[in-house]
C-alpha atoms as a PDB file:
ATOM      1  CA  MET A   1       0.321   0.152  -0.278  1.00  0.00           C
ATOM      2  CA  GLY A   2       0.992   3.294  -1.118  1.00  0.00           C
ATOM      3  CA  ARG A   3       1.396   6.225   1.681  1.00  0.00           C
ATOM      4  CA  ASP A   4      -1.116   8.282   0.065  1.00  0.00           C
ATOM      5  CA  LYS A   5      -3.746   5.375   0.705  1.00  0.00           C
ATOM      6  CA  ALA A   6      -3.621   6.529   4.494  1.00  0.00           C
ATOM      7  CA  PHE A   7      -5.324   9.347   3.822  1.00  0.00           C
ATOM      8  CA  VAL A   8      -8.426   8.035   1.695  1.00  0.00           C
ATOM      9  CA  GLU A   9     -10.290   9.714   4.040  1.00  0.00           C
ATOM     10  CA  TYR A  10      -9.543  12.947   3.745  1.00  0.00           C
ATOM     11  CA  ASP A  11      -9.474  14.372   7.285  1.00  0.00           C
ATOM     12  CA  GLY A  12      -7.350  17.360   8.649  1.00  0.00           C
ATOM     13  CA  VAL A  13      -7.516  15.984  12.307  1.00  0.00           C
ATOM     14  CA  ALA A  14      -6.055  12.824  10.926  1.00  0.00           C
ATOM     15  CA  MET A  15      -3.354  15.017   9.031  1.00  0.00           C
ATOM     16  CA  VAL A  16      -2.123  15.762  12.310  1.00  0.00           C
ATOM     17  CA  GLN A  17      -2.120  12.466  14.545  1.00  0.00           C
ATOM     18  CA  ARG A  18       0.417  11.421  11.433  1.00  0.00           C
ATOM     19  CA  VAL A  19       2.521  14.597  12.021  1.00  0.00           C
ATOM     20  CA  ALA A  20       2.182  14.246  15.352  1.00  0.00           C
ATOM     21  CA  ALA A  21       3.210   9.957  15.706  1.00  0.00           C
ATOM     22  CA  THR A  22       6.181  10.983  13.204  1.00  0.00           C
ATOM     23  CA  LEU A  23       7.186  13.533  16.067  1.00  0.00           C
ATOM     24  CA  ARG A  24       7.236  10.758  18.167  1.00  0.00           C
ATOM     25  CA  ALA A  25       8.807   8.319  16.683  1.00  0.00           C
ATOM     26  CA  ALA A  26      11.906  10.772  15.948  1.00  0.00           C
ATOM     27  CA  GLY A  27      12.151  10.660  19.931  1.00  0.00           C
ATOM     28  CA  CYS A  28      10.304  14.036  20.425  1.00  0.00           C
ATOM     29  CA  ALA A  29       9.559  13.654  24.203  1.00  0.00           C
ATOM     30  CA  GLU A  30       6.447  16.122  24.225  1.00  0.00           C
ATOM     31  CA  VAL A  31       4.020  16.645  21.183  1.00  0.00           C
ATOM     32  CA  VAL A  32       1.541  19.651  21.504  1.00  0.00           C
ATOM     33  CA  ALA A  33      -0.682  21.560  18.917  1.00  0.00           C
ATOM     34  CA  ILE A  34      -0.495  25.101  18.400  1.00  0.00           C
ATOM     35  CA  GLY A  35      -3.340  26.613  17.726  1.00  0.00           C
ATOM     36  CA  GLY A  36      -6.672  25.257  15.598  1.00  0.00           C
ATOM     37  CA  ASP A  37     -10.024  23.361  17.559  1.00  0.00           C
ATOM     38  CA  ALA A  38      -8.480  22.623  20.975  1.00  0.00           C
ATOM     39  CA  GLN A  39     -11.578  20.307  21.839  1.00  0.00           C
ATOM     40  CA  ALA A  40     -10.855  18.417  18.049  1.00  0.00           C
ATOM     41  CA  LEU A  41      -7.377  17.892  18.923  1.00  0.00           C
ATOM     42  CA  GLY A  42      -7.831  17.486  22.495  1.00  0.00           C
ATOM     43  CA  ALA A  43     -10.888  14.253  21.602  1.00  0.00           C
ATOM     44  CA  ALA A  44      -7.887  13.317  19.216  1.00  0.00           C
ATOM     45  CA  GLY A  45      -5.238  12.406  22.117  1.00  0.00           C
ATOM     46  CA  LEU A  46      -3.321  16.199  21.054  1.00  0.00           C
ATOM     47  CA  PRO A  47      -2.832  18.878  23.799  1.00  0.00           C
ATOM     48  CA  CYS A  48      -3.542  22.061  21.941  1.00  0.00           C
ATOM     49  CA  ILE A  49      -1.383  25.322  23.324  1.00  0.00           C
ATOM     50  CA  PRO A  50      -3.484  28.677  22.347  1.00  0.00           C
ATOM     51  CA  ASP A  51      -1.628  30.585  19.377  1.00  0.00           C
ATOM     52  CA  GLU A  52       0.095  33.374  21.645  1.00  0.00           C
ATOM     53  CA  HIS A  53      -0.846  35.386  18.121  1.00  0.00           C
ATOM     54  CA  PRO A  54      -3.546  34.643  16.138  1.00  0.00           C
ATOM     55  CA  GLY A  55      -4.040  35.742  13.299  1.00  0.00           C
ATOM     56  CA  GLN A  56      -0.618  36.301  12.691  1.00  0.00           C
ATOM     57  CA  GLY A  57       0.353  33.159  10.843  1.00  0.00           C
ATOM     58  CA  PRO A  58       3.440  30.717  11.375  1.00  0.00           C
ATOM     59  CA  LEU A  59       5.346  32.757  12.403  1.00  0.00           C
ATOM     60  CA  GLY A  60       3.414  34.001  16.045  1.00  0.00           C
ATOM     61  CA  GLY A  61       2.834  29.848  15.676  1.00  0.00           C
ATOM     62  CA  VAL A  62       6.619  29.207  15.797  1.00  0.00           C
ATOM     63  CA  ILE A  63       7.117  32.284  19.000  1.00  0.00           C
ATOM     64  CA  THR A  64       4.279  30.261  20.700  1.00  0.00           C
ATOM     65  CA  ALA A  65       6.059  27.326  20.702  1.00  0.00           C
ATOM     66  CA  LEU A  66       9.241  28.541  21.746  1.00  0.00           C
ATOM     67  CA  HIS A  67       7.643  30.166  24.736  1.00  0.00           C
ATOM     68  CA  HIS A  68       6.042  26.487  25.919  1.00  0.00           C
ATOM     69  CA  PHE A  69       9.269  25.385  25.856  1.00  0.00           C
ATOM     70  CA  PRO A  70      12.091  27.548  26.745  1.00  0.00           C
ATOM     71  CA  HIS A  71      13.610  25.088  28.994  1.00  0.00           C
ATOM     72  CA  ARG A  72      14.405  22.530  25.986  1.00  0.00           C
ATOM     73  CA  PRO A  73      17.731  22.528  23.858  1.00  0.00           C
ATOM     74  CA  ALA A  74      15.582  22.290  20.666  1.00  0.00           C
ATOM     75  CA  VAL A  75      12.614  22.408  19.273  1.00  0.00           C
ATOM     76  CA  ILE A  76      10.973  20.976  16.500  1.00  0.00           C
ATOM     77  CA  VAL A  77       8.316  22.837  14.542  1.00  0.00           C
ATOM     78  CA  VAL A  78       6.422  20.931  11.696  1.00  0.00           C
ATOM     79  CA  ALA A  79       3.461  22.158   9.742  1.00  0.00           C
ATOM     80  CA  CYS A  80       0.394  19.730   9.888  1.00  0.00           C
ATOM     81  CA  ASP A  81       0.168  19.592   6.302  1.00  0.00           C
ATOM     82  CA  LEU A  82       3.343  17.399   5.544  1.00  0.00           C
ATOM     83  CA  PRO A  83       1.861  14.336   6.224  1.00  0.00           C
ATOM     84  CA  LEU A  84       4.459  12.710   3.938  1.00  0.00           C
ATOM     85  CA  LEU A  85       7.354  13.748   6.707  1.00  0.00           C
ATOM     86  CA  THR A  86       9.686  10.666   8.162  1.00  0.00           C
ATOM     87  CA  PRO A  87      11.250  10.491  11.204  1.00  0.00           C
ATOM     88  CA  ALA A  88      14.456  10.077   9.105  1.00  0.00           C
ATOM     89  CA  THR A  89      13.484  13.979   8.094  1.00  0.00           C
ATOM     90  CA  VAL A  90      12.876  14.810  11.376  1.00  0.00           C
ATOM     91  CA  SER A  91      15.848  13.846  12.509  1.00  0.00           C
ATOM     92  CA  THR A  92      18.116  14.665  10.108  1.00  0.00           C
ATOM     93  CA  VAL A  93      16.983  18.611  10.569  1.00  0.00           C
ATOM     94  CA  LEU A  94      17.807  17.847  14.642  1.00  0.00           C
ATOM     95  CA  ALA A  95      21.181  16.486  14.113  1.00  0.00           C
ATOM     96  CA  ALA A  96      22.072  19.547  11.752  1.00  0.00           C
ATOM     97  CA  LEU A  97      20.804  22.265  14.868  1.00  0.00           C
ATOM     98  CA  VAL A  98      22.926  20.172  17.049  1.00  0.00           C
ATOM     99  CA  ASP A  99      25.865  19.688  14.370  1.00  0.00           C
ATOM    100  CA  ALA A 100      25.619  23.481  14.027  1.00  0.00           C
ATOM    101  CA  GLY A 101      26.445  24.529  17.723  1.00  0.00           C
ATOM    102  CA  GLU A 102      24.531  26.926  20.247  1.00  0.00           C
ATOM    103  CA  ALA A 103      25.362  29.660  18.066  1.00  0.00           C
ATOM    104  CA  THR A 104      23.144  29.026  15.502  1.00  0.00           C
ATOM    105  CA  GLY A 105      19.501  29.586  16.520  1.00  0.00           C
ATOM    106  CA  VAL A 106      17.650  27.249  13.354  1.00  0.00           C
ATOM    107  CA  ALA A 107      18.473  24.577  11.435  1.00  0.00           C
ATOM    108  CA  MET A 108      15.543  23.776   8.745  1.00  0.00           C
ATOM    109  CA  ALA A 109      15.065  21.498   6.180  1.00  0.00           C
ATOM    110  CA  SER A 110      16.097  22.594   2.762  1.00  0.00           C
ATOM    111  CA  THR A 111      15.152  20.967  -0.901  1.00  0.00           C
ATOM    112  CA  ASP A 112      15.489  23.443  -3.638  1.00  0.00           C
ATOM    113  CA  ARG A 113      14.270  25.940  -1.040  1.00  0.00           C
ATOM    114  CA  LEU A 114      14.475  26.507   2.750  1.00  0.00           C
ATOM    115  CA  GLU A 115      11.099  25.289   5.112  1.00  0.00           C
ATOM    116  CA  PRO A 116      10.734  26.802   7.593  1.00  0.00           C
ATOM    117  CA  LEU A 117       7.757  25.040   8.546  1.00  0.00           C
ATOM    118  CA  CYS A 118      10.458  22.275   8.987  1.00  0.00           C
ATOM    119  CA  ALA A 119      12.967  23.120  11.630  1.00  0.00           C
ATOM    120  CA  ALA A 120      14.521  22.628  14.999  1.00  0.00           C
ATOM    121  CA  TRP A 121      14.429  26.250  16.913  1.00  0.00           C
ATOM    122  CA  ARG A 122      16.496  26.793  20.153  1.00  0.00           C
ATOM    123  CA  PRO A 123      14.597  28.698  22.243  1.00  0.00           C
ATOM    124  CA  ALA A 124      16.860  31.240  22.845  1.00  0.00           C
ATOM    125  CA  ALA A 125      16.225  32.409  19.689  1.00  0.00           C
ATOM    126  CA  VAL A 126      12.260  33.646  20.391  1.00  0.00           C
ATOM    127  CA  ALA A 127      13.758  37.455  21.209  1.00  0.00           C
ATOM    128  CA  GLN A 128      14.733  37.760  17.102  1.00  0.00           C
ATOM    129  CA  LEU A 129      11.811  36.396  16.217  1.00  0.00           C
ATOM    130  CA  GLU A 130       9.693  38.687  19.016  1.00  0.00           C
ATOM    131  CA  ALA A 131      11.304  41.328  17.681  1.00  0.00           C
ATOM    132  CA  ALA A 132      11.286  40.106  13.638  1.00  0.00           C
ATOM    133  CA  LEU A 133       7.402  40.643  14.868  1.00  0.00           C
ATOM    134  CA  ALA A 134       7.269  43.829  16.705  1.00  0.00           C
ATOM    135  CA  ASP A 135       8.679  45.374  13.363  1.00  0.00           C
ATOM    136  CA  GLY A 136       5.766  43.960  11.706  1.00  0.00           C
ATOM    137  CA  GLU A 137       7.167  40.705   9.715  1.00  0.00           C
ATOM    138  CA  ARG A 138       5.125  37.993   9.231  1.00  0.00           C
ATOM    139  CA  ARG A 139       6.780  36.094   6.705  1.00  0.00           C
ATOM    140  CA  LEU A 140       8.939  33.423   9.100  1.00  0.00           C
ATOM    141  CA  ARG A 141      11.642  32.362   6.291  1.00  0.00           C
ATOM    142  CA  VAL A 142      12.593  36.298   6.552  1.00  0.00           C
ATOM    143  CA  ALA A 143      12.395  36.496   9.967  1.00  0.00           C
ATOM    144  CA  ALA A 144      14.375  33.363  10.191  1.00  0.00           C
ATOM    145  CA  GLN A 145      17.708  35.459   8.899  1.00  0.00           C
ATOM    146  CA  ARG A 146      17.409  37.314  11.783  1.00  0.00           C
ATOM    147  CA  LEU A 147      19.686  34.018  13.235  1.00  0.00           C
ATOM    148  CA  ASN A 148      22.159  32.215  12.271  1.00  0.00           C
ATOM    149  CA  LEU A 149      20.688  29.784  10.138  1.00  0.00           C
ATOM    150  CA  ALA A 150      21.685  25.766   9.209  1.00  0.00           C
ATOM    151  CA  GLU A 151      20.305  23.973   6.217  1.00  0.00           C
ATOM    152  CA  SER A 152      19.412  20.244   6.503  1.00  0.00           C
ATOM    153  CA  PRO A 153      19.225  18.926   3.048  1.00  0.00           C
ATOM    154  CA  VAL A 154      16.420  16.762   3.200  1.00  0.00           C
ATOM    155  CA  PRO A 155      14.345  14.268   0.715  1.00  0.00           C
ATOM    156  CA  ALA A 156      11.560  16.746  -1.449  1.00  0.00           C
ATOM    157  CA  THR A 157       8.706  13.984  -0.956  1.00  0.00           C
ATOM    158  CA  ASP A 158       9.300  13.772   2.793  1.00  0.00           C
ATOM    159  CA  LEU A 159       7.239  18.255   2.761  1.00  0.00           C
ATOM    160  CA  ALA A 160       5.006  17.622   0.175  1.00  0.00           C
ATOM    161  CA  ASN A 161       2.252  20.298   1.211  1.00  0.00           C
ATOM    162  CA  VAL A 162      -1.170  18.607   1.330  1.00  0.00           C
ATOM    163  CA  ASN A 163      -4.295  20.675   1.767  1.00  0.00           C
ATOM    164  CA  THR A 164      -6.836  18.912  -0.020  1.00  0.00           C
ATOM    165  CA  PRO A 165      -7.132  15.059  -1.076  1.00  0.00           C
ATOM    166  CA  ALA A 166      -6.465  16.005  -4.927  1.00  0.00           C
ATOM    167  CA  ASP A 167      -2.777  16.576  -3.173  1.00  0.00           C
ATOM    168  CA  LEU A 168      -1.478  13.619  -2.845  1.00  0.00           C
ATOM    169  CA  HIS A 169      -2.136  12.227  -5.801  1.00  0.00           C
ATOM    170  CA  GLN A 170       0.238  14.927  -8.136  1.00  0.00           C
END
């Protein structure tokens, strides 16, 4: 059975659960959702943290995640619309942050471009991200340029963005 067959019945909560399972399989100690339908996510077994910056896009979500885990050496943040993500890719991105050293604020997955929503962040990077938000920036990729950044090459198939059932078959 192909990977996309798991989503014959398209369900946003099922996609989130799949990404959460991938993070757990990669060794993430605690997995939470940032924002979204807290009741549905909780019923699906995933704790949900309210987004501190609703309506401010992924940058606000990353800031929220870093505030929630301030004492972790790294925080992995991935989009819930990456259902083909593998534990190996998560581990590769985290290893890139570790290998880059303490001065590096983020390691991002990369294919032909950087993917800021598959990244390992150091909680100390939150101050620069908050400054970018305060300056009016909403694009996570641009805000991350304020940090020392490491790239982590990964298979493009792992970062397939899936928003509709048709996206699975492209």
